PDB file of all heavy atoms in Angstrom:
ATOM      1  N   ASP A   1     -15.309  -0.473   3.641  1.00  0.00           N
ATOM      2  CA  ASP A   1     -16.501  -1.268   3.953  1.00  0.00           C
ATOM      3  C   ASP A   1     -16.568  -1.621   5.439  1.00  0.00           C
ATOM      4  O   ASP A   1     -17.640  -1.687   6.017  1.00  0.00           O
ATOM      5  CB  ASP A   1     -16.507  -2.579   3.153  1.00  0.00           C
ATOM      6  CG  ASP A   1     -16.992  -2.401   1.736  1.00  0.00           C
ATOM      7  OD1 ASP A   1     -17.449  -1.295   1.381  1.00  0.00           O
ATOM      8  OD2 ASP A   1     -16.885  -3.380   0.956  1.00  0.00           O
ATOM      9  N   MET A   2     -15.408  -1.856   6.049  1.00  0.00           N
ATOM     10  CA  MET A   2     -15.367  -2.351   7.431  1.00  0.00           C
ATOM     11  C   MET A   2     -14.840  -1.348   8.453  1.00  0.00           C
ATOM     12  O   MET A   2     -15.162  -1.440   9.635  1.00  0.00           O
ATOM     13  CB  MET A   2     -14.516  -3.612   7.500  1.00  0.00           C
ATOM     14  CG  MET A   2     -15.049  -4.742   6.637  1.00  0.00           C
ATOM     15  SD  MET A   2     -14.042  -6.222   6.785  1.00  0.00           S
ATOM     16  CE  MET A   2     -14.631  -6.841   8.357  1.00  0.00           C
ATOM     17  N   PHE A   3     -13.994  -0.445   8.013  1.00  0.00           N
ATOM     18  CA  PHE A   3     -13.316   0.483   8.924  1.00  0.00           C
ATOM     19  C   PHE A   3     -13.308   1.870   8.292  1.00  0.00           C
ATOM     20  O   PHE A   3     -14.211   2.221   7.572  1.00  0.00           O
ATOM     21  CB  PHE A   3     -11.864   0.014   9.177  1.00  0.00           C
ATOM     22  CG  PHE A   3     -11.771  -1.427   9.603  1.00  0.00           C
ATOM     23  CD1 PHE A   3     -11.391  -2.410   8.709  1.00  0.00           C
ATOM     24  CD2 PHE A   3     -12.063  -1.803  10.909  1.00  0.00           C
ATOM     25  CE1 PHE A   3     -11.312  -3.739   9.092  1.00  0.00           C
ATOM     26  CE2 PHE A   3     -11.979  -3.132  11.310  1.00  0.00           C
ATOM     27  CZ  PHE A   3     -11.609  -4.101  10.392  1.00  0.00           C
ATOM     28  N   SER A   4     -12.260   2.622   8.551  1.00  0.00           N
ATOM     29  CA  SER A   4     -12.023   3.868   7.818  1.00  0.00           C
ATOM     30  C   SER A   4     -10.535   3.911   7.497  1.00  0.00           C
ATOM     31  O   SER A   4      -9.718   3.336   8.210  1.00  0.00           O
ATOM     32  CB  SER A   4     -12.462   5.084   8.628  1.00  0.00           C
ATOM     33  OG  SER A   4     -11.755   5.138   9.852  1.00  0.00           O
ATOM     34  N   MET A   5     -10.236   4.580   6.416  1.00  0.00           N
ATOM     35  CA  MET A   5      -8.843   4.680   5.981  1.00  0.00           C
ATOM     36  C   MET A   5      -8.041   5.460   7.026  1.00  0.00           C
ATOM     37  O   MET A   5      -8.488   6.504   7.488  1.00  0.00           O
ATOM     38  CB  MET A   5      -8.762   5.384   4.629  1.00  0.00           C
ATOM     39  CG  MET A   5      -9.344   4.585   3.474  1.00  0.00           C
ATOM     40  SD  MET A   5      -8.222   3.365   2.794  1.00  0.00           S
ATOM     41  CE  MET A   5      -7.144   4.427   1.841  1.00  0.00           C
ATOM     42  N   GLU A   6      -6.889   4.926   7.380  1.00  0.00           N
ATOM     43  CA  GLU A   6      -5.974   5.608   8.291  1.00  0.00           C
ATOM     44  C   GLU A   6      -4.867   6.249   7.453  1.00  0.00           C
ATOM     45  O   GLU A   6      -4.673   5.898   6.281  1.00  0.00           O
ATOM     46  CB  GLU A   6      -5.388   4.603   9.280  1.00  0.00           C
ATOM     47  CG  GLU A   6      -6.435   3.967  10.184  1.00  0.00           C
ATOM     48  CD  GLU A   6      -5.850   2.978  11.196  1.00  0.00           C
ATOM     49  OE1 GLU A   6      -4.661   3.125  11.570  1.00  0.00           O
ATOM     50  OE2 GLU A   6      -6.579   2.058  11.611  1.00  0.00           O
ATOM     51  N   ALA A   7      -4.126   7.148   8.047  1.00  0.00           N
ATOM     52  CA  ALA A   7      -3.035   7.833   7.335  1.00  0.00           C
ATOM     53  C   ALA A   7      -2.045   6.823   6.754  1.00  0.00           C
ATOM     54  O   ALA A   7      -1.580   6.981   5.620  1.00  0.00           O
ATOM     55  CB  ALA A   7      -2.326   8.810   8.258  1.00  0.00           C
ATOM     56  N   ALA A   8      -1.733   5.766   7.504  1.00  0.00           N
ATOM     57  CA  ALA A   8      -0.793   4.741   7.022  1.00  0.00           C
ATOM     58  C   ALA A   8      -1.344   4.031   5.789  1.00  0.00           C
ATOM     59  O   ALA A   8      -0.586   3.701   4.864  1.00  0.00           O
ATOM     60  CB  ALA A   8      -0.496   3.727   8.127  1.00  0.00           C
ATOM     61  N   ASP A   9      -2.653   3.797   5.755  1.00  0.00           N
ATOM     62  CA  ASP A   9      -3.286   3.179   4.586  1.00  0.00           C
ATOM     63  C   ASP A   9      -3.141   4.084   3.365  1.00  0.00           C
ATOM     64  O   ASP A   9      -2.702   3.650   2.304  1.00  0.00           O
ATOM     65  CB  ASP A   9      -4.792   2.949   4.814  1.00  0.00           C
ATOM     66  CG  ASP A   9      -5.109   1.990   5.928  1.00  0.00           C
ATOM     67  OD1 ASP A   9      -4.456   0.937   6.009  1.00  0.00           O
ATOM     68  OD2 ASP A   9      -6.015   2.295   6.718  1.00  0.00           O
ATOM     69  N   THR A  10      -3.542   5.328   3.530  1.00  0.00           N
ATOM     70  CA  THR A  10      -3.529   6.268   2.413  1.00  0.00           C
ATOM     71  C   THR A  10      -2.141   6.419   1.829  1.00  0.00           C
ATOM     72  O   THR A  10      -1.954   6.377   0.605  1.00  0.00           O
ATOM     73  CB  THR A  10      -4.088   7.634   2.868  1.00  0.00           C
ATOM     74  OG1 THR A  10      -5.411   7.424   3.379  1.00  0.00           O
ATOM     75  CG2 THR A  10      -4.145   8.621   1.720  1.00  0.00           C
ATOM     76  N   ALA A  11      -1.140   6.568   2.690  1.00  0.00           N
ATOM     77  CA  ALA A  11       0.232   6.733   2.213  1.00  0.00           C
ATOM     78  C   ALA A  11       0.670   5.524   1.385  1.00  0.00           C
ATOM     79  O   ALA A  11       1.140   5.667   0.252  1.00  0.00           O
ATOM     80  CB  ALA A  11       1.177   6.940   3.399  1.00  0.00           C
ATOM     81  N   MET A  12       0.499   4.336   1.935  1.00  0.00           N
ATOM     82  CA  MET A  12       0.949   3.124   1.247  1.00  0.00           C
ATOM     83  C   MET A  12       0.162   2.867  -0.031  1.00  0.00           C
ATOM     84  O   MET A  12       0.732   2.505  -1.062  1.00  0.00           O
ATOM     85  CB  MET A  12       0.844   1.907   2.157  1.00  0.00           C
ATOM     86  CG  MET A  12       1.423   0.645   1.532  1.00  0.00           C
ATOM     87  SD  MET A  12       1.126  -0.856   2.495  1.00  0.00           S
ATOM     88  CE  MET A  12       1.823  -0.432   4.069  1.00  0.00           C
ATOM     89  N   LEU A  13      -1.136   3.050   0.017  1.00  0.00           N
ATOM     90  CA  LEU A  13      -1.971   2.706  -1.136  1.00  0.00           C
ATOM     91  C   LEU A  13      -1.856   3.696  -2.287  1.00  0.00           C
ATOM     92  O   LEU A  13      -2.018   3.318  -3.435  1.00  0.00           O
ATOM     93  CB  LEU A  13      -3.440   2.573  -0.699  1.00  0.00           C
ATOM     94  CG  LEU A  13      -3.712   1.422   0.276  1.00  0.00           C
ATOM     95  CD1 LEU A  13      -5.165   1.458   0.729  1.00  0.00           C
ATOM     96  CD2 LEU A  13      -3.366   0.067  -0.332  1.00  0.00           C
ATOM     97  N   THR A  14      -1.551   4.951  -1.980  1.00  0.00           N
ATOM     98  CA  THR A  14      -1.438   5.933  -3.057  1.00  0.00           C
ATOM     99  C   THR A  14      -0.021   5.997  -3.642  1.00  0.00           C
ATOM    100  O   THR A  14       0.165   6.519  -4.726  1.00  0.00           O
ATOM    101  CB  THR A  14      -1.868   7.342  -2.599  1.00  0.00           C
ATOM    102  OG1 THR A  14      -1.097   7.710  -1.462  1.00  0.00           O
ATOM    103  CG2 THR A  14      -3.349   7.365  -2.274  1.00  0.00           C
ATOM    104  N   ASP A  15       0.961   5.448  -2.927  1.00  0.00           N
ATOM    105  CA  ASP A  15       2.337   5.440  -3.435  1.00  0.00           C
ATOM    106  C   ASP A  15       3.009   4.114  -3.078  1.00  0.00           C
ATOM    107  O   ASP A  15       3.971   4.074  -2.297  1.00  0.00           O
ATOM    108  CB  ASP A  15       3.120   6.627  -2.862  1.00  0.00           C
ATOM    109  CG  ASP A  15       4.447   6.847  -3.569  1.00  0.00           C
ATOM    110  OD1 ASP A  15       4.806   6.057  -4.463  1.00  0.00           O
ATOM    111  OD2 ASP A  15       5.134   7.827  -3.208  1.00  0.00           O
ATOM    112  N   PRO A  16       2.498   3.002  -3.631  1.00  0.00           N
ATOM    113  CA  PRO A  16       3.037   1.687  -3.254  1.00  0.00           C
ATOM    114  C   PRO A  16       4.511   1.505  -3.627  1.00  0.00           C
ATOM    115  O   PRO A  16       5.228   0.788  -2.929  1.00  0.00           O
ATOM    116  CB  PRO A  16       2.144   0.693  -3.998  1.00  0.00           C
ATOM    117  CG  PRO A  16       1.524   1.477  -5.105  1.00  0.00           C
ATOM    118  CD  PRO A  16       1.418   2.882  -4.603  1.00  0.00           C
ATOM    119  N   TYR A  17       4.951   2.156  -4.681  1.00  0.00           N
ATOM    120  CA  TYR A  17       6.359   2.007  -5.045  1.00  0.00           C
ATOM    121  C   TYR A  17       7.244   2.549  -3.923  1.00  0.00           C
ATOM    122  O   TYR A  17       8.178   1.885  -3.479  1.00  0.00           O
ATOM    123  CB  TYR A  17       6.692   2.706  -6.376  1.00  0.00           C
ATOM    124  CG  TYR A  17       8.145   2.527  -6.720  1.00  0.00           C
ATOM    125  CD1 TYR A  17       8.583   1.349  -7.317  1.00  0.00           C
ATOM    126  CD2 TYR A  17       9.084   3.493  -6.381  1.00  0.00           C
ATOM    127  CE1 TYR A  17       9.931   1.142  -7.580  1.00  0.00           C
ATOM    128  CE2 TYR A  17      10.438   3.291  -6.649  1.00  0.00           C
ATOM    129  CZ  TYR A  17      10.852   2.111  -7.237  1.00  0.00           C
ATOM    130  OH  TYR A  17      12.178   1.906  -7.472  1.00  0.00           O
ATOM    131  N   HIS A  18       6.942   3.738  -3.453  1.00  0.00           N
ATOM    132  CA  HIS A  18       7.751   4.383  -2.420  1.00  0.00           C
ATOM    133  C   HIS A  18       7.679   3.638  -1.082  1.00  0.00           C
ATOM    134  O   HIS A  18       8.702   3.470  -0.406  1.00  0.00           O
ATOM    135  CB  HIS A  18       7.305   5.838  -2.239  1.00  0.00           C
ATOM    136  CG  HIS A  18       8.043   6.566  -1.175  1.00  0.00           C
ATOM    137  ND1 HIS A  18       9.285   7.113  -1.384  1.00  0.00           N
ATOM    138  CD2 HIS A  18       7.730   6.826   0.120  1.00  0.00           C
ATOM    139  CE1 HIS A  18       9.702   7.683  -0.266  1.00  0.00           C
ATOM    140  NE2 HIS A  18       8.780   7.530   0.660  1.00  0.00           N
ATOM    141  N   TYR A  19       6.477   3.202  -0.692  1.00  0.00           N
ATOM    142  CA  TYR A  19       6.283   2.625   0.637  1.00  0.00           C
ATOM    143  C   TYR A  19       6.492   1.109   0.709  1.00  0.00           C
ATOM    144  O   TYR A  19       6.771   0.592   1.792  1.00  0.00           O
ATOM    145  CB  TYR A  19       4.887   2.975   1.183  1.00  0.00           C
ATOM    146  CG  TYR A  19       4.796   4.410   1.610  1.00  0.00           C
ATOM    147  CD1 TYR A  19       4.317   5.374   0.738  1.00  0.00           C
ATOM    148  CD2 TYR A  19       5.212   4.803   2.862  1.00  0.00           C
ATOM    149  CE1 TYR A  19       4.245   6.714   1.118  1.00  0.00           C
ATOM    150  CE2 TYR A  19       5.146   6.139   3.259  1.00  0.00           C
ATOM    151  CZ  TYR A  19       4.671   7.074   2.379  1.00  0.00           C
ATOM    152  OH  TYR A  19       4.625   8.393   2.769  1.00  0.00           O
ATOM    153  N   VAL A  20       6.367   0.405  -0.395  1.00  0.00           N
ATOM    154  CA  VAL A  20       6.492  -1.059  -0.364  1.00  0.00           C
ATOM    155  C   VAL A  20       7.666  -1.547  -1.202  1.00  0.00           C
ATOM    156  O   VAL A  20       8.557  -2.246  -0.690  1.00  0.00           O
ATOM    157  CB  VAL A  20       5.185  -1.751  -0.845  1.00  0.00           C
ATOM    158  CG1 VAL A  20       5.333  -3.274  -0.800  1.00  0.00           C
ATOM    159  CG2 VAL A  20       3.993  -1.305  -0.018  1.00  0.00           C
ATOM    160  N   ILE A  21       7.689  -1.221  -2.468  1.00  0.00           N
ATOM    161  CA  ILE A  21       8.676  -1.779  -3.406  1.00  0.00           C
ATOM    162  C   ILE A  21      10.097  -1.260  -3.134  1.00  0.00           C
ATOM    163  O   ILE A  21      11.028  -2.040  -2.967  1.00  0.00           O
ATOM    164  CB  ILE A  21       8.264  -1.491  -4.869  1.00  0.00           C
ATOM    165  CG1 ILE A  21       6.862  -2.047  -5.168  1.00  0.00           C
ATOM    166  CG2 ILE A  21       9.301  -2.039  -5.842  1.00  0.00           C
ATOM    167  CD1 ILE A  21       6.703  -3.537  -5.033  1.00  0.00           C
ATOM    168  N   LYS A  22      10.254   0.045  -3.099  1.00  0.00           N
ATOM    169  CA  LYS A  22      11.585   0.650  -2.935  1.00  0.00           C
ATOM    170  C   LYS A  22      12.313   0.173  -1.662  1.00  0.00           C
ATOM    171  O   LYS A  22      13.502  -0.123  -1.719  1.00  0.00           O
ATOM    172  CB  LYS A  22      11.474   2.176  -2.972  1.00  0.00           C
ATOM    173  CG  LYS A  22      12.799   2.886  -3.046  1.00  0.00           C
ATOM    174  CD  LYS A  22      12.611   4.375  -3.201  1.00  0.00           C
ATOM    175  CE  LYS A  22      13.950   5.100  -3.218  1.00  0.00           C
ATOM    176  NZ  LYS A  22      13.765   6.549  -3.171  1.00  0.00           N
ATOM    177  N   PRO A  23      11.630   0.036  -0.522  1.00  0.00           N
ATOM    178  CA  PRO A  23      12.321  -0.432   0.687  1.00  0.00           C
ATOM    179  C   PRO A  23      12.596  -1.950   0.700  1.00  0.00           C
ATOM    180  O   PRO A  23      13.126  -2.465   1.678  1.00  0.00           O
ATOM    181  CB  PRO A  23      11.376  -0.071   1.822  1.00  0.00           C
ATOM    182  CG  PRO A  23      10.368   0.854   1.249  1.00  0.00           C
ATOM    183  CD  PRO A  23      10.299   0.572  -0.214  1.00  0.00           C
ATOM    184  N   GLY A  24      12.212  -2.656  -0.367  1.00  0.00           N
ATOM    185  CA  GLY A  24      12.515  -4.094  -0.422  1.00  0.00           C
ATOM    186  C   GLY A  24      11.324  -5.013  -0.304  1.00  0.00           C
ATOM    187  O   GLY A  24      11.483  -6.234  -0.154  1.00  0.00           O
ATOM    188  N   GLY A  25      10.116  -4.479  -0.397  1.00  0.00           N
ATOM    189  CA  GLY A  25       8.917  -5.304  -0.328  1.00  0.00           C
ATOM    190  C   GLY A  25       8.446  -5.758  -1.701  1.00  0.00           C
ATOM    191  O   GLY A  25       9.071  -5.437  -2.718  1.00  0.00           O
ATOM    192  N   LYS A  26       7.348  -6.467  -1.718  1.00  0.00           N
ATOM    193  CA  LYS A  26       6.789  -7.010  -2.954  1.00  0.00           C
ATOM    194  C   LYS A  26       5.272  -6.844  -2.929  1.00  0.00           C
ATOM    195  O   LYS A  26       4.658  -6.847  -1.870  1.00  0.00           O
ATOM    196  CB  LYS A  26       7.089  -8.506  -3.094  1.00  0.00           C
ATOM    197  CG  LYS A  26       8.544  -8.893  -2.939  1.00  0.00           C
ATOM    198  CD  LYS A  26       9.234  -8.888  -4.243  1.00  0.00           C
ATOM    199  CE  LYS A  26      10.651  -9.434  -4.068  1.00  0.00           C
ATOM    200  NZ  LYS A  26      11.428  -9.302  -5.239  1.00  0.00           N
ATOM    201  N   ILE A  27       4.686  -6.725  -4.118  1.00  0.00           N
ATOM    202  CA  ILE A  27       3.234  -6.688  -4.262  1.00  0.00           C
ATOM    203  C   ILE A  27       2.866  -7.612  -5.421  1.00  0.00           C
ATOM    204  O   ILE A  27       3.539  -7.603  -6.454  1.00  0.00           O
ATOM    205  CB  ILE A  27       2.723  -5.266  -4.570  1.00  0.00           C
ATOM    206  CG1 ILE A  27       3.090  -4.293  -3.443  1.00  0.00           C
ATOM    207  CG2 ILE A  27       1.205  -5.268  -4.800  1.00  0.00           C
ATOM    208  CD1 ILE A  27       2.786  -2.826  -3.750  1.00  0.00           C
ATOM    209  N   TRP A  28       1.791  -8.381  -5.220  1.00  0.00           N
ATOM    210  CA  TRP A  28       1.274  -9.227  -6.295  1.00  0.00           C
ATOM    211  C   TRP A  28      -0.204  -8.935  -6.495  1.00  0.00           C
ATOM    212  O   TRP A  28      -0.892  -8.449  -5.604  1.00  0.00           O
ATOM    213  CB  TRP A  28       1.447 -10.704  -5.961  1.00  0.00           C
ATOM    214  CG  TRP A  28       2.874 -11.120  -5.955  1.00  0.00           C
ATOM    215  CD1 TRP A  28       3.637 -11.514  -7.028  1.00  0.00           C
ATOM    216  CD2 TRP A  28       3.741 -11.185  -4.826  1.00  0.00           C
ATOM    217  NE1 TRP A  28       4.913 -11.802  -6.616  1.00  0.00           N
ATOM    218  CE2 TRP A  28       4.999 -11.611  -5.278  1.00  0.00           C
ATOM    219  CE3 TRP A  28       3.580 -10.923  -3.466  1.00  0.00           C
ATOM    220  CZ2 TRP A  28       6.088 -11.787  -4.431  1.00  0.00           C
ATOM    221  CZ3 TRP A  28       4.653 -11.083  -2.619  1.00  0.00           C
ATOM    222  CH2 TRP A  28       5.897 -11.517  -3.102  1.00  0.00           C
ATOM    223  N   PHE A  29      -0.662  -9.287  -7.699  1.00  0.00           N
ATOM    224  CA  PHE A  29      -2.054  -9.113  -8.066  1.00  0.00           C
ATOM    225  C   PHE A  29      -2.588 -10.439  -8.589  1.00  0.00           C
ATOM    226  O   PHE A  29      -1.852 -11.206  -9.207  1.00  0.00           O
ATOM    227  CB  PHE A  29      -2.187  -8.035  -9.146  1.00  0.00           C
ATOM    228  CG  PHE A  29      -1.700  -6.698  -8.698  1.00  0.00           C
ATOM    229  CD1 PHE A  29      -0.373  -6.341  -8.870  1.00  0.00           C
ATOM    230  CD2 PHE A  29      -2.546  -5.815  -8.063  1.00  0.00           C
ATOM    231  CE1 PHE A  29       0.110  -5.116  -8.425  1.00  0.00           C
ATOM    232  CE2 PHE A  29      -2.087  -4.583  -7.618  1.00  0.00           C
ATOM    233  CZ  PHE A  29      -0.759  -4.238  -7.794  1.00  0.00           C
ATOM    234  N   ALA A  30      -3.864 -10.691  -8.335  1.00  0.00           N
ATOM    235  CA  ALA A  30      -4.534 -11.886  -8.843  1.00  0.00           C
ATOM    236  C   ALA A  30      -5.447 -11.452  -9.981  1.00  0.00           C
ATOM    237  O   ALA A  30      -6.288 -10.557  -9.797  1.00  0.00           O
ATOM    238  CB  ALA A  30      -5.361 -12.542  -7.733  1.00  0.00           C
ATOM    239  N   ARG A  31      -5.252 -12.072 -11.148  1.00  0.00           N
ATOM    240  CA  ARG A  31      -6.084 -11.737 -12.315  1.00  0.00           C
ATOM    241  C   ARG A  31      -6.959 -12.931 -12.661  1.00  0.00           C
ATOM    242  O   ARG A  31      -6.469 -14.031 -12.912  1.00  0.00           O
ATOM    243  CB  ARG A  31      -5.223 -11.338 -13.502  1.00  0.00           C
ATOM    244  CG  ARG A  31      -6.088 -10.939 -14.705  1.00  0.00           C
ATOM    245  CD  ARG A  31      -5.340 -10.220 -15.792  1.00  0.00           C
ATOM    246  NE  ARG A  31      -4.241 -11.012 -16.316  1.00  0.00           N
ATOM    247  CZ  ARG A  31      -3.221 -10.493 -17.002  1.00  0.00           C
ATOM    248  NH1 ARG A  31      -3.156  -9.203 -17.228  1.00  0.00           N
ATOM    249  NH2 ARG A  31      -2.277 -11.282 -17.457  1.00  0.00           N
TER     250      ARG A  31
END
């Protein structure tokens, strides 16, 4: 909506386990 997807966005968003969780990060969702 505001920008365009960059390579870093695509990598992280399509494989969040590999790029965020596995290296020690966390993700939360609001329901």
